[in-house]
C-alpha cells in the first residue's frame, strides 16, 4: 500500500487509422463489469 509500482504488459494487436480531425483517447479504470469478475482489492485467492 502506497508504494509506487510499475505495471506493464502487452495487449492484443491493432491495425487502426485515427483520421485527421479525430482524437486519440486512453481510458484507465479498475473495474469492467460484469465482463470481468470483480477484484476484492485485497491480495487473496
ModelCIF file with pLDDT and N, C-alpha, C, O atoms, coordinates in Angstrom:
data_MODEL
#
_entry.id   MODEL 
#
_entity.id                         1 
_entity.type                       polymer 
_entity.pdbx_number_of_molecules   1 
#
_entity_poly.entity_id                      1 
_entity_poly.type                           'polypeptide(L)' 
_entity_poly.nstd_linkage                   no 
_entity_poly.nstd_monomer                   no 
_entity_poly.pdbx_seq_one_letter_code       
;(UNK)(UNK)(UNK)(UNK)(UNK)(UNK)(UNK)(UNK)(UNK)(UNK)(UNK)(UNK)(UNK)(UNK)(UNK)(UNK)
(UNK)(UNK)(UNK)(UNK)(UNK)(UNK)(UNK)(UNK)(UNK)(UNK)(UNK)(UNK)(UNK)(UNK)(UNK)(UNK)
(UNK)(UNK)(UNK)(UNK)(UNK)(UNK)(UNK)(UNK)(UNK)(UNK)(UNK)(UNK)(UNK)
;
_entity_poly.pdbx_seq_one_letter_code_can   XXXXXXXXXXXXXXXXXXXXXXXXXXXXXXXXXXXXXXXXXXXXX 
_entity_poly.pdbx_strand_id                 A 
#
loop_
_entity_poly_seq.entity_id 
_entity_poly_seq.num 
_entity_poly_seq.mon_id 
_entity_poly_seq.hetero 
1 1  UNK n 
1 2  UNK n 
1 3  UNK n 
1 4  UNK n 
1 5  UNK n 
1 6  UNK n 
1 7  UNK n 
1 8  UNK n 
1 9  UNK n 
1 10 UNK n 
1 11 UNK n 
1 12 UNK n 
1 13 UNK n 
1 14 UNK n 
1 15 UNK n 
1 16 UNK n 
1 17 UNK n 
1 18 UNK n 
1 19 UNK n 
1 20 UNK n 
1 21 UNK n 
1 22 UNK n 
1 23 UNK n 
1 24 UNK n 
1 25 UNK n 
1 26 UNK n 
1 27 UNK n 
1 28 UNK n 
1 29 UNK n 
1 30 UNK n 
1 31 UNK n 
1 32 UNK n 
1 33 UNK n 
1 34 UNK n 
1 35 UNK n 
1 36 UNK n 
1 37 UNK n 
1 38 UNK n 
1 39 UNK n 
1 40 UNK n 
1 41 UNK n 
1 42 UNK n 
1 43 UNK n 
1 44 UNK n 
1 45 UNK n 
#
_struct_asym.id          A 
_struct_asym.entity_id   1 
#
loop_
_ma_qa_metric.id 
_ma_qa_metric.mode 
_ma_qa_metric.name 
_ma_qa_metric.software_group_id 
_ma_qa_metric.type 
1 global pLDDT . pLDDT 
2 local  pLDDT . pLDDT 
#
_ma_qa_metric_global.metric_id      1 
_ma_qa_metric_global.metric_value   98.02 
_ma_qa_metric_global.model_id       1 
_ma_qa_metric_global.ordinal_id     1 
#
loop_
_ma_qa_metric_local.label_asym_id 
_ma_qa_metric_local.label_comp_id 
_ma_qa_metric_local.label_seq_id 
_ma_qa_metric_local.metric_id 
_ma_qa_metric_local.metric_value 
_ma_qa_metric_local.model_id 
_ma_qa_metric_local.ordinal_id 
A UNK 1  2 98.00 1 1  
A UNK 2  2 98.00 1 2  
A UNK 3  2 98.00 1 3  
A UNK 4  2 98.00 1 4  
A UNK 5  2 98.00 1 5  
A UNK 6  2 98.00 1 6  
A UNK 7  2 98.00 1 7  
A UNK 8  2 98.00 1 8  
A UNK 9  2 98.00 1 9  
A UNK 10 2 98.00 1 10 
A UNK 11 2 98.00 1 11 
A UNK 12 2 98.00 1 12 
A UNK 13 2 98.00 1 13 
A UNK 14 2 98.00 1 14 
A UNK 15 2 98.00 1 15 
A UNK 16 2 98.00 1 16 
A UNK 17 2 98.00 1 17 
A UNK 18 2 98.00 1 18 
A UNK 19 2 98.00 1 19 
A UNK 20 2 98.00 1 20 
A UNK 21 2 98.00 1 21 
A UNK 22 2 98.00 1 22 
A UNK 23 2 98.00 1 23 
A UNK 24 2 98.00 1 24 
A UNK 25 2 99.00 1 25 
A UNK 26 2 98.00 1 26 
A UNK 27 2 98.00 1 27 
A UNK 28 2 98.00 1 28 
A UNK 29 2 98.00 1 29 
A UNK 30 2 98.00 1 30 
A UNK 31 2 98.00 1 31 
A UNK 32 2 98.00 1 32 
A UNK 33 2 98.00 1 33 
A UNK 34 2 98.00 1 34 
A UNK 35 2 98.00 1 35 
A UNK 36 2 98.00 1 36 
A UNK 37 2 98.00 1 37 
A UNK 38 2 98.00 1 38 
A UNK 39 2 98.00 1 39 
A UNK 40 2 98.00 1 40 
A UNK 41 2 98.00 1 41 
A UNK 42 2 98.00 1 42 
A UNK 43 2 98.00 1 43 
A UNK 44 2 98.00 1 44 
A UNK 45 2 98.00 1 45 
#
loop_
_atom_site.group_PDB 
_atom_site.id 
_atom_site.type_symbol 
_atom_site.label_atom_id 
_atom_site.label_alt_id 
_atom_site.label_comp_id 
_atom_site.label_asym_id 
_atom_site.label_entity_id 
_atom_site.label_seq_id 
_atom_site.pdbx_PDB_ins_code 
_atom_site.Cartn_x 
_atom_site.Cartn_y 
_atom_site.Cartn_z 
_atom_site.occupancy 
_atom_site.B_iso_or_equiv 
_atom_site.pdbx_formal_charge 
_atom_site.auth_seq_id 
_atom_site.auth_comp_id 
_atom_site.auth_asym_id 
_atom_site.auth_atom_id 
_atom_site.pdbx_PDB_model_num 
ATOM 1   N N  . UNK A 1 1  ? 0.820   -1.213  0.000   1.00 98.00 ? 1  UNK A N  1 
ATOM 2   C CA . UNK A 1 1  ? 0.000   0.000   0.000   1.00 98.00 ? 1  UNK A CA 1 
ATOM 3   C C  . UNK A 1 1  ? 0.857   1.267   0.000   1.00 98.00 ? 1  UNK A C  1 
ATOM 4   O O  . UNK A 1 1  ? 1.786   1.428   0.792   1.00 98.00 ? 1  UNK A O  1 
ATOM 5   N N  . UNK A 1 2  ? 0.494   2.164   -0.935  1.00 98.00 ? 2  UNK A N  1 
ATOM 6   C CA . UNK A 1 2  ? 1.170   3.455   -1.011  1.00 98.00 ? 2  UNK A CA 1 
ATOM 7   C C  . UNK A 1 2  ? 2.487   3.457   -1.754  1.00 98.00 ? 2  UNK A C  1 
ATOM 8   O O  . UNK A 1 2  ? 3.048   4.526   -1.993  1.00 98.00 ? 2  UNK A O  1 
ATOM 9   N N  . UNK A 1 3  ? 3.002   2.297   -2.129  1.00 98.00 ? 3  UNK A N  1 
ATOM 10  C CA . UNK A 1 3  ? 4.313   2.240   -2.781  1.00 98.00 ? 3  UNK A CA 1 
ATOM 11  C C  . UNK A 1 3  ? 4.154   2.299   -4.301  1.00 98.00 ? 3  UNK A C  1 
ATOM 12  O O  . UNK A 1 3  ? 3.456   1.460   -4.870  1.00 98.00 ? 3  UNK A O  1 
ATOM 13  N N  . UNK A 1 4  ? 4.788   3.280   -4.978  1.00 98.00 ? 4  UNK A N  1 
ATOM 14  C CA . UNK A 1 4  ? 4.715   3.340   -6.438  1.00 98.00 ? 4  UNK A CA 1 
ATOM 15  C C  . UNK A 1 4  ? 5.239   2.041   -7.066  1.00 98.00 ? 4  UNK A C  1 
ATOM 16  O O  . UNK A 1 4  ? 6.299   1.542   -6.687  1.00 98.00 ? 4  UNK A O  1 
ATOM 17  N N  . UNK A 1 5  ? 4.495   1.512   -8.014  1.00 98.00 ? 5  UNK A N  1 
ATOM 18  C CA . UNK A 1 5  ? 4.778   0.211   -8.603  1.00 98.00 ? 5  UNK A CA 1 
ATOM 19  C C  . UNK A 1 5  ? 4.568   0.269   -10.119 1.00 98.00 ? 5  UNK A C  1 
ATOM 20  O O  . UNK A 1 5  ? 3.618   0.885   -10.601 1.00 98.00 ? 5  UNK A O  1 
ATOM 21  N N  . UNK A 1 6  ? 5.456   -0.372  -10.849 1.00 98.00 ? 6  UNK A N  1 
ATOM 22  C CA . UNK A 1 6  ? 5.336   -0.437  -12.310 1.00 98.00 ? 6  UNK A CA 1 
ATOM 23  C C  . UNK A 1 6  ? 4.455   -1.635  -12.688 1.00 98.00 ? 6  UNK A C  1 
ATOM 24  O O  . UNK A 1 6  ? 4.650   -2.744  -12.191 1.00 98.00 ? 6  UNK A O  1 
ATOM 25  N N  . UNK A 1 7  ? 3.490   -1.391  -13.570 1.00 98.00 ? 7  UNK A N  1 
ATOM 26  C CA . UNK A 1 7  ? 2.625   -2.429  -14.115 1.00 98.00 ? 7  UNK A CA 1 
ATOM 27  C C  . UNK A 1 7  ? 2.690   -2.307  -15.632 1.00 98.00 ? 7  UNK A C  1 
ATOM 28  O O  . UNK A 1 7  ? 2.236   -1.308  -16.191 1.00 98.00 ? 7  UNK A O  1 
ATOM 29  N N  . UNK A 1 8  ? 3.249   -3.311  -16.303 1.00 98.00 ? 8  UNK A N  1 
ATOM 30  C CA . UNK A 1 8  ? 3.423   -3.252  -17.753 1.00 98.00 ? 8  UNK A CA 1 
ATOM 31  C C  . UNK A 1 8  ? 3.086   -4.606  -18.365 1.00 98.00 ? 8  UNK A C  1 
ATOM 32  O O  . UNK A 1 8  ? 3.352   -5.650  -17.770 1.00 98.00 ? 8  UNK A O  1 
ATOM 33  N N  . UNK A 1 9  ? 2.505   -4.579  -19.546 1.00 98.00 ? 9  UNK A N  1 
ATOM 34  C CA . UNK A 1 9  ? 2.186   -5.816  -20.247 1.00 98.00 ? 9  UNK A CA 1 
ATOM 35  C C  . UNK A 1 9  ? 1.932   -5.509  -21.718 1.00 98.00 ? 9  UNK A C  1 
ATOM 36  O O  . UNK A 1 9  ? 1.936   -4.349  -22.131 1.00 98.00 ? 9  UNK A O  1 
ATOM 37  N N  . UNK A 1 10 ? 1.714   -6.547  -22.492 1.00 98.00 ? 10 UNK A N  1 
ATOM 38  C CA . UNK A 1 10 ? 1.430   -6.407  -23.922 1.00 98.00 ? 10 UNK A CA 1 
ATOM 39  C C  . UNK A 1 10 ? -0.027  -6.757  -24.190 1.00 98.00 ? 10 UNK A C  1 
ATOM 40  O O  . UNK A 1 10 ? -0.506  -7.815  -23.782 1.00 98.00 ? 10 UNK A O  1 
ATOM 41  N N  . UNK A 1 11 ? -0.724  -5.862  -24.877 1.00 98.00 ? 11 UNK A N  1 
ATOM 42  C CA . UNK A 1 11 ? -2.109  -6.081  -25.262 1.00 98.00 ? 11 UNK A CA 1 
ATOM 43  C C  . UNK A 1 11 ? -2.183  -6.631  -26.681 1.00 98.00 ? 11 UNK A C  1 
ATOM 44  O O  . UNK A 1 11 ? -1.199  -6.595  -27.420 1.00 98.00 ? 11 UNK A O  1 
ATOM 45  N N  . UNK A 1 12 ? -3.340  -7.135  -27.055 1.00 98.00 ? 12 UNK A N  1 
ATOM 46  C CA . UNK A 1 12 ? -3.535  -7.650  -28.403 1.00 98.00 ? 12 UNK A CA 1 
ATOM 47  C C  . UNK A 1 12 ? -3.310  -6.571  -29.454 1.00 98.00 ? 12 UNK A C  1 
ATOM 48  O O  . UNK A 1 12 ? -3.488  -5.382  -29.193 1.00 98.00 ? 12 UNK A O  1 
ATOM 49  N N  . UNK A 1 13 ? -2.917  -7.007  -30.641 1.00 98.00 ? 13 UNK A N  1 
ATOM 50  C CA . UNK A 1 13 ? -2.584  -6.105  -31.738 1.00 98.00 ? 13 UNK A CA 1 
ATOM 51  C C  . UNK A 1 13 ? -3.796  -5.303  -32.212 1.00 98.00 ? 13 UNK A C  1 
ATOM 52  O O  . UNK A 1 13 ? -4.947  -5.671  -31.977 1.00 98.00 ? 13 UNK A O  1 
ATOM 53  N N  . UNK A 1 14 ? -3.496  -4.207  -32.881 1.00 98.00 ? 14 UNK A N  1 
ATOM 54  C CA . UNK A 1 14 ? -4.480  -3.422  -33.621 1.00 98.00 ? 14 UNK A CA 1 
ATOM 55  C C  . UNK A 1 14 ? -3.872  -3.063  -34.966 1.00 98.00 ? 14 UNK A C  1 
ATOM 56  O O  . UNK A 1 14 ? -2.658  -3.150  -35.152 1.00 98.00 ? 14 UNK A O  1 
ATOM 57  N N  . UNK A 1 15 ? -4.712  -2.663  -35.893 1.00 98.00 ? 15 UNK A N  1 
ATOM 58  C CA . UNK A 1 15 ? -4.269  -2.007  -37.126 1.00 98.00 ? 15 UNK A CA 1 
ATOM 59  C C  . UNK A 1 15 ? -5.348  -0.985  -37.444 1.00 98.00 ? 15 UNK A C  1 
ATOM 60  O O  . UNK A 1 15 ? -6.326  -1.283  -38.130 1.00 98.00 ? 15 UNK A O  1 
ATOM 61  N N  . UNK A 1 16 ? -5.155  0.218   -36.938 1.00 98.00 ? 16 UNK A N  1 
ATOM 62  C CA . UNK A 1 16 ? -6.219  1.224   -36.959 1.00 98.00 ? 16 UNK A CA 1 
ATOM 63  C C  . UNK A 1 16 ? -5.651  2.584   -37.304 1.00 98.00 ? 16 UNK A C  1 
ATOM 64  O O  . UNK A 1 16 ? -4.596  2.983   -36.810 1.00 98.00 ? 16 UNK A O  1 
ATOM 65  N N  . UNK A 1 17 ? -6.372  3.289   -38.162 1.00 98.00 ? 17 UNK A N  1 
ATOM 66  C CA . UNK A 1 17 ? -6.010  4.658   -38.508 1.00 98.00 ? 17 UNK A CA 1 
ATOM 67  C C  . UNK A 1 17 ? -6.974  5.632   -37.845 1.00 98.00 ? 17 UNK A C  1 
ATOM 68  O O  . UNK A 1 17 ? -8.185  5.578   -38.057 1.00 98.00 ? 17 UNK A O  1 
ATOM 69  N N  . UNK A 1 18 ? -6.407  6.519   -37.041 1.00 98.00 ? 18 UNK A N  1 
ATOM 70  C CA . UNK A 1 18 ? -7.150  7.647   -36.477 1.00 98.00 ? 18 UNK A CA 1 
ATOM 71  C C  . UNK A 1 18 ? -7.095  8.753   -37.527 1.00 98.00 ? 18 UNK A C  1 
ATOM 72  O O  . UNK A 1 18 ? -6.020  9.264   -37.841 1.00 98.00 ? 18 UNK A O  1 
ATOM 73  N N  . UNK A 1 19 ? -8.247  9.117   -38.064 1.00 98.00 ? 19 UNK A N  1 
ATOM 74  C CA . UNK A 1 19 ? -8.272  10.056  -39.177 1.00 98.00 ? 19 UNK A CA 1 
ATOM 75  C C  . UNK A 1 19 ? -8.044  11.496  -38.711 1.00 98.00 ? 19 UNK A C  1 
ATOM 76  O O  . UNK A 1 19 ? -8.250  11.848  -37.550 1.00 98.00 ? 19 UNK A O  1 
ATOM 77  N N  . UNK A 1 20 ? -7.619  12.286  -39.650 1.00 98.00 ? 20 UNK A N  1 
ATOM 78  C CA . UNK A 1 20 ? -7.439  13.712  -39.391 1.00 98.00 ? 20 UNK A CA 1 
ATOM 79  C C  . UNK A 1 20 ? -8.703  14.293  -38.769 1.00 98.00 ? 20 UNK A C  1 
ATOM 80  O O  . UNK A 1 20 ? -9.809  14.026  -39.239 1.00 98.00 ? 20 UNK A O  1 
ATOM 81  N N  . UNK A 1 21 ? -8.541  15.081  -37.722 1.00 98.00 ? 21 UNK A N  1 
ATOM 82  C CA . UNK A 1 21 ? -9.686  15.675  -37.033 1.00 98.00 ? 21 UNK A CA 1 
ATOM 83  C C  . UNK A 1 21 ? -10.205 14.833  -35.882 1.00 98.00 ? 21 UNK A C  1 
ATOM 84  O O  . UNK A 1 21 ? -10.937 15.343  -35.033 1.00 98.00 ? 21 UNK A O  1 
ATOM 85  N N  . UNK A 1 22 ? -9.844  13.540  -35.828 1.00 98.00 ? 22 UNK A N  1 
ATOM 86  C CA . UNK A 1 22 ? -10.203 12.685  -34.696 1.00 98.00 ? 22 UNK A CA 1 
ATOM 87  C C  . UNK A 1 22 ? -9.217  12.934  -33.548 1.00 98.00 ? 22 UNK A C  1 
ATOM 88  O O  . UNK A 1 22 ? -8.196  13.601  -33.721 1.00 98.00 ? 22 UNK A O  1 
ATOM 89  N N  . UNK A 1 23 ? -9.537  12.396  -32.402 1.00 98.00 ? 23 UNK A N  1 
ATOM 90  C CA . UNK A 1 23 ? -8.637  12.424  -31.255 1.00 98.00 ? 23 UNK A CA 1 
ATOM 91  C C  . UNK A 1 23 ? -8.295  10.986  -30.855 1.00 98.00 ? 23 UNK A C  1 
ATOM 92  O O  . UNK A 1 23 ? -9.085  10.068  -31.071 1.00 98.00 ? 23 UNK A O  1 
ATOM 93  N N  . UNK A 1 24 ? -7.128  10.807  -30.279 1.00 98.00 ? 24 UNK A N  1 
ATOM 94  C CA . UNK A 1 24 ? -6.757  9.537   -29.664 1.00 98.00 ? 24 UNK A CA 1 
ATOM 95  C C  . UNK A 1 24 ? -7.021  9.668   -28.166 1.00 98.00 ? 24 UNK A C  1 
ATOM 96  O O  . UNK A 1 24 ? -6.574  10.624  -27.532 1.00 98.00 ? 24 UNK A O  1 
ATOM 97  N N  . UNK A 1 25 ? -7.736  8.719   -27.616 1.00 99.00 ? 25 UNK A N  1 
ATOM 98  C CA . UNK A 1 25 ? -8.068  8.734   -26.191 1.00 99.00 ? 25 UNK A CA 1 
ATOM 99  C C  . UNK A 1 25 ? -7.618  7.435   -25.542 1.00 99.00 ? 25 UNK A C  1 
ATOM 100 O O  . UNK A 1 25 ? -7.669  6.371   -26.159 1.00 99.00 ? 25 UNK A O  1 
ATOM 101 N N  . UNK A 1 26 ? -7.181  7.528   -24.306 1.00 98.00 ? 26 UNK A N  1 
ATOM 102 C CA . UNK A 1 26 ? -6.923  6.363   -23.465 1.00 98.00 ? 26 UNK A CA 1 
ATOM 103 C C  . UNK A 1 26 ? -7.755  6.514   -22.202 1.00 98.00 ? 26 UNK A C  1 
ATOM 104 O O  . UNK A 1 26 ? -7.695  7.542   -21.527 1.00 98.00 ? 26 UNK A O  1 
ATOM 105 N N  . UNK A 1 27 ? -8.524  5.492   -21.891 1.00 98.00 ? 27 UNK A N  1 
ATOM 106 C CA . UNK A 1 27 ? -9.251  5.437   -20.622 1.00 98.00 ? 27 UNK A CA 1 
ATOM 107 C C  . UNK A 1 27 ? -8.597  4.397   -19.731 1.00 98.00 ? 27 UNK A C  1 
ATOM 108 O O  . UNK A 1 27 ? -8.136  3.354   -20.196 1.00 98.00 ? 27 UNK A O  1 
ATOM 109 N N  . UNK A 1 28 ? -8.566  4.700   -18.452 1.00 98.00 ? 28 UNK A N  1 
ATOM 110 C CA . UNK A 1 28 ? -7.950  3.813   -17.466 1.00 98.00 ? 28 UNK A CA 1 
ATOM 111 C C  . UNK A 1 28 ? -8.906  3.633   -16.306 1.00 98.00 ? 28 UNK A C  1 
ATOM 112 O O  . UNK A 1 28 ? -9.403  4.612   -15.750 1.00 98.00 ? 28 UNK A O  1 
ATOM 113 N N  . UNK A 1 29 ? -9.171  2.387   -15.935 1.00 98.00 ? 29 UNK A N  1 
ATOM 114 C CA . UNK A 1 29 ? -10.115 2.091   -14.864 1.00 98.00 ? 29 UNK A CA 1 
ATOM 115 C C  . UNK A 1 29 ? -9.717  0.785   -14.197 1.00 98.00 ? 29 UNK A C  1 
ATOM 116 O O  . UNK A 1 29 ? -8.785  0.115   -14.643 1.00 98.00 ? 29 UNK A O  1 
ATOM 117 N N  . UNK A 1 30 ? -10.420 0.421   -13.129 1.00 98.00 ? 30 UNK A N  1 
ATOM 118 C CA . UNK A 1 30 ? -10.067 -0.787  -12.384 1.00 98.00 ? 30 UNK A CA 1 
ATOM 119 C C  . UNK A 1 30 ? -11.197 -1.799  -12.288 1.00 98.00 ? 30 UNK A C  1 
ATOM 120 O O  . UNK A 1 30 ? -11.007 -2.883  -11.737 1.00 98.00 ? 30 UNK A O  1 
ATOM 121 N N  . UNK A 1 31 ? -12.358 -1.468  -12.810 1.00 98.00 ? 31 UNK A N  1 
ATOM 122 C CA . UNK A 1 31 ? -13.460 -2.420  -12.883 1.00 98.00 ? 31 UNK A CA 1 
ATOM 123 C C  . UNK A 1 31 ? -14.042 -2.350  -14.286 1.00 98.00 ? 31 UNK A C  1 
ATOM 124 O O  . UNK A 1 31 ? -13.954 -1.322  -14.957 1.00 98.00 ? 31 UNK A O  1 
ATOM 125 N N  . UNK A 1 32 ? -14.641 -3.460  -14.722 1.00 98.00 ? 32 UNK A N  1 
ATOM 126 C CA . UNK A 1 32 ? -15.209 -3.564  -16.082 1.00 98.00 ? 32 UNK A CA 1 
ATOM 127 C C  . UNK A 1 32 ? -16.234 -4.669  -16.005 1.00 98.00 ? 32 UNK A C  1 
ATOM 128 O O  . UNK A 1 32 ? -15.960 -5.805  -16.391 1.00 98.00 ? 32 UNK A O  1 
ATOM 129 N N  . UNK A 1 33 ? -17.399 -4.350  -15.516 1.00 98.00 ? 33 UNK A N  1 
ATOM 130 C CA . UNK A 1 33 ? -18.326 -5.363  -15.018 1.00 98.00 ? 33 UNK A CA 1 
ATOM 131 C C  . UNK A 1 33 ? -19.581 -5.456  -15.867 1.00 98.00 ? 33 UNK A C  1 
ATOM 132 O O  . UNK A 1 33 ? -20.041 -4.453  -16.414 1.00 98.00 ? 33 UNK A O  1 
ATOM 133 N N  . UNK A 1 34 ? -20.139 -6.660  -15.979 1.00 98.00 ? 34 UNK A N  1 
ATOM 134 C CA . UNK A 1 34 ? -19.613 -7.937  -15.464 1.00 98.00 ? 34 UNK A CA 1 
ATOM 135 C C  . UNK A 1 34 ? -18.681 -8.655  -16.434 1.00 98.00 ? 34 UNK A C  1 
ATOM 136 O O  . UNK A 1 34 ? -18.438 -9.854  -16.299 1.00 98.00 ? 34 UNK A O  1 
ATOM 137 N N  . UNK A 1 35 ? -18.154 -7.905  -17.426 1.00 98.00 ? 35 UNK A N  1 
ATOM 138 C CA . UNK A 1 35 ? -17.264 -8.539  -18.396 1.00 98.00 ? 35 UNK A CA 1 
ATOM 139 C C  . UNK A 1 35 ? -16.177 -9.337  -17.697 1.00 98.00 ? 35 UNK A C  1 
ATOM 140 O O  . UNK A 1 35 ? -15.915 -10.483 -18.060 1.00 98.00 ? 35 UNK A O  1 
ATOM 141 N N  . UNK A 1 36 ? -15.546 -8.739  -16.698 1.00 98.00 ? 36 UNK A N  1 
ATOM 142 C CA . UNK A 1 36 ? -14.566 -9.478  -15.889 1.00 98.00 ? 36 UNK A CA 1 
ATOM 143 C C  . UNK A 1 36 ? -15.028 -9.466  -14.442 1.00 98.00 ? 36 UNK A C  1 
ATOM 144 O O  . UNK A 1 36 ? -15.716 -8.545  -14.003 1.00 98.00 ? 36 UNK A O  1 
ATOM 145 N N  . UNK A 1 37 ? -14.640 -10.499 -13.710 1.00 98.00 ? 37 UNK A N  1 
ATOM 146 C CA . UNK A 1 37 ? -15.057 -10.585 -12.312 1.00 98.00 ? 37 UNK A CA 1 
ATOM 147 C C  . UNK A 1 37 ? -14.404 -9.473  -11.509 1.00 98.00 ? 37 UNK A C  1 
ATOM 148 O O  . UNK A 1 37 ? -13.379 -8.919  -11.905 1.00 98.00 ? 37 UNK A O  1 
ATOM 149 N N  . UNK A 1 38 ? -15.006 -9.161  -10.390 1.00 98.00 ? 38 UNK A N  1 
ATOM 150 C CA . UNK A 1 38 ? -14.504 -8.067  -9.557  1.00 98.00 ? 38 UNK A CA 1 
ATOM 151 C C  . UNK A 1 38 ? -13.312 -8.529  -8.716  1.00 98.00 ? 38 UNK A C  1 
ATOM 152 O O  . UNK A 1 38 ? -13.234 -9.678  -8.280  1.00 98.00 ? 38 UNK A O  1 
ATOM 153 N N  . UNK A 1 39 ? -12.414 -7.614  -8.512  1.00 98.00 ? 39 UNK A N  1 
ATOM 154 C CA . UNK A 1 39 ? -11.249 -7.840  -7.660  1.00 98.00 ? 39 UNK A CA 1 
ATOM 155 C C  . UNK A 1 39 ? -11.577 -7.295  -6.265  1.00 98.00 ? 39 UNK A C  1 
ATOM 156 O O  . UNK A 1 39 ? -11.996 -6.142  -6.154  1.00 98.00 ? 39 UNK A O  1 
ATOM 157 N N  . UNK A 1 40 ? -11.403 -8.082  -5.202  1.00 98.00 ? 40 UNK A N  1 
ATOM 158 C CA . UNK A 1 40 ? -11.687 -7.559  -3.857  1.00 98.00 ? 40 UNK A CA 1 
ATOM 159 C C  . UNK A 1 40 ? -10.771 -6.402  -3.461  1.00 98.00 ? 40 UNK A C  1 
ATOM 160 O O  . UNK A 1 40 ? -11.038 -5.680  -2.501  1.00 98.00 ? 40 UNK A O  1 
ATOM 161 N N  . UNK A 1 41 ? -9.673  -6.241  -4.230  1.00 98.00 ? 41 UNK A N  1 
ATOM 162 C CA . UNK A 1 41 ? -8.666  -5.208  -3.964  1.00 98.00 ? 41 UNK A CA 1 
ATOM 163 C C  . UNK A 1 41 ? -7.909  -5.494  -2.677  1.00 98.00 ? 41 UNK A C  1 
ATOM 164 O O  . UNK A 1 41 ? -7.308  -4.621  -2.051  1.00 98.00 ? 41 UNK A O  1 
ATOM 165 N N  . UNK A 1 42 ? -7.976  -6.788  -2.318  1.00 98.00 ? 42 UNK A N  1 
ATOM 166 C CA . UNK A 1 42 ? -7.194  -7.363  -1.229  1.00 98.00 ? 42 UNK A CA 1 
ATOM 167 C C  . UNK A 1 42 ? -6.490  -8.581  -1.811  1.00 98.00 ? 42 UNK A C  1 
ATOM 168 O O  . UNK A 1 42 ? -7.111  -9.370  -2.522  1.00 98.00 ? 42 UNK A O  1 
ATOM 169 N N  . UNK A 1 43 ? -5.215  -8.744  -1.522  1.00 98.00 ? 43 UNK A N  1 
ATOM 170 C CA . UNK A 1 43 ? -4.468  -9.876  -2.071  1.00 98.00 ? 43 UNK A CA 1 
ATOM 171 C C  . UNK A 1 43 ? -4.988  -11.170 -1.468  1.00 98.00 ? 43 UNK A C  1 
ATOM 172 O O  . UNK A 1 43 ? -4.827  -11.431 -0.276  1.00 98.00 ? 43 UNK A O  1 
ATOM 173 N N  . UNK A 1 44 ? -5.622  -11.983 -2.328  1.00 98.00 ? 44 UNK A N  1 
ATOM 174 C CA . UNK A 1 44 ? -6.247  -13.216 -1.870  1.00 98.00 ? 44 UNK A CA 1 
ATOM 175 C C  . UNK A 1 44 ? -6.541  -14.086 -3.077  1.00 98.00 ? 44 UNK A C  1 
ATOM 176 O O  . UNK A 1 44 ? -6.383  -13.643 -4.215  1.00 98.00 ? 44 UNK A O  1 
ATOM 177 N N  . UNK A 1 45 ? -6.967  -15.318 -2.842  1.00 98.00 ? 45 UNK A N  1 
ATOM 178 C CA . UNK A 1 45 ? -7.492  -16.157 -3.902  1.00 98.00 ? 45 UNK A CA 1 
ATOM 179 C C  . UNK A 1 45 ? -8.894  -15.644 -4.211  1.00 98.00 ? 45 UNK A C  1 
ATOM 180 O O  . UNK A 1 45 ? -9.571  -16.187 -5.084  1.00 98.00 ? 45 UNK A O  1 
#
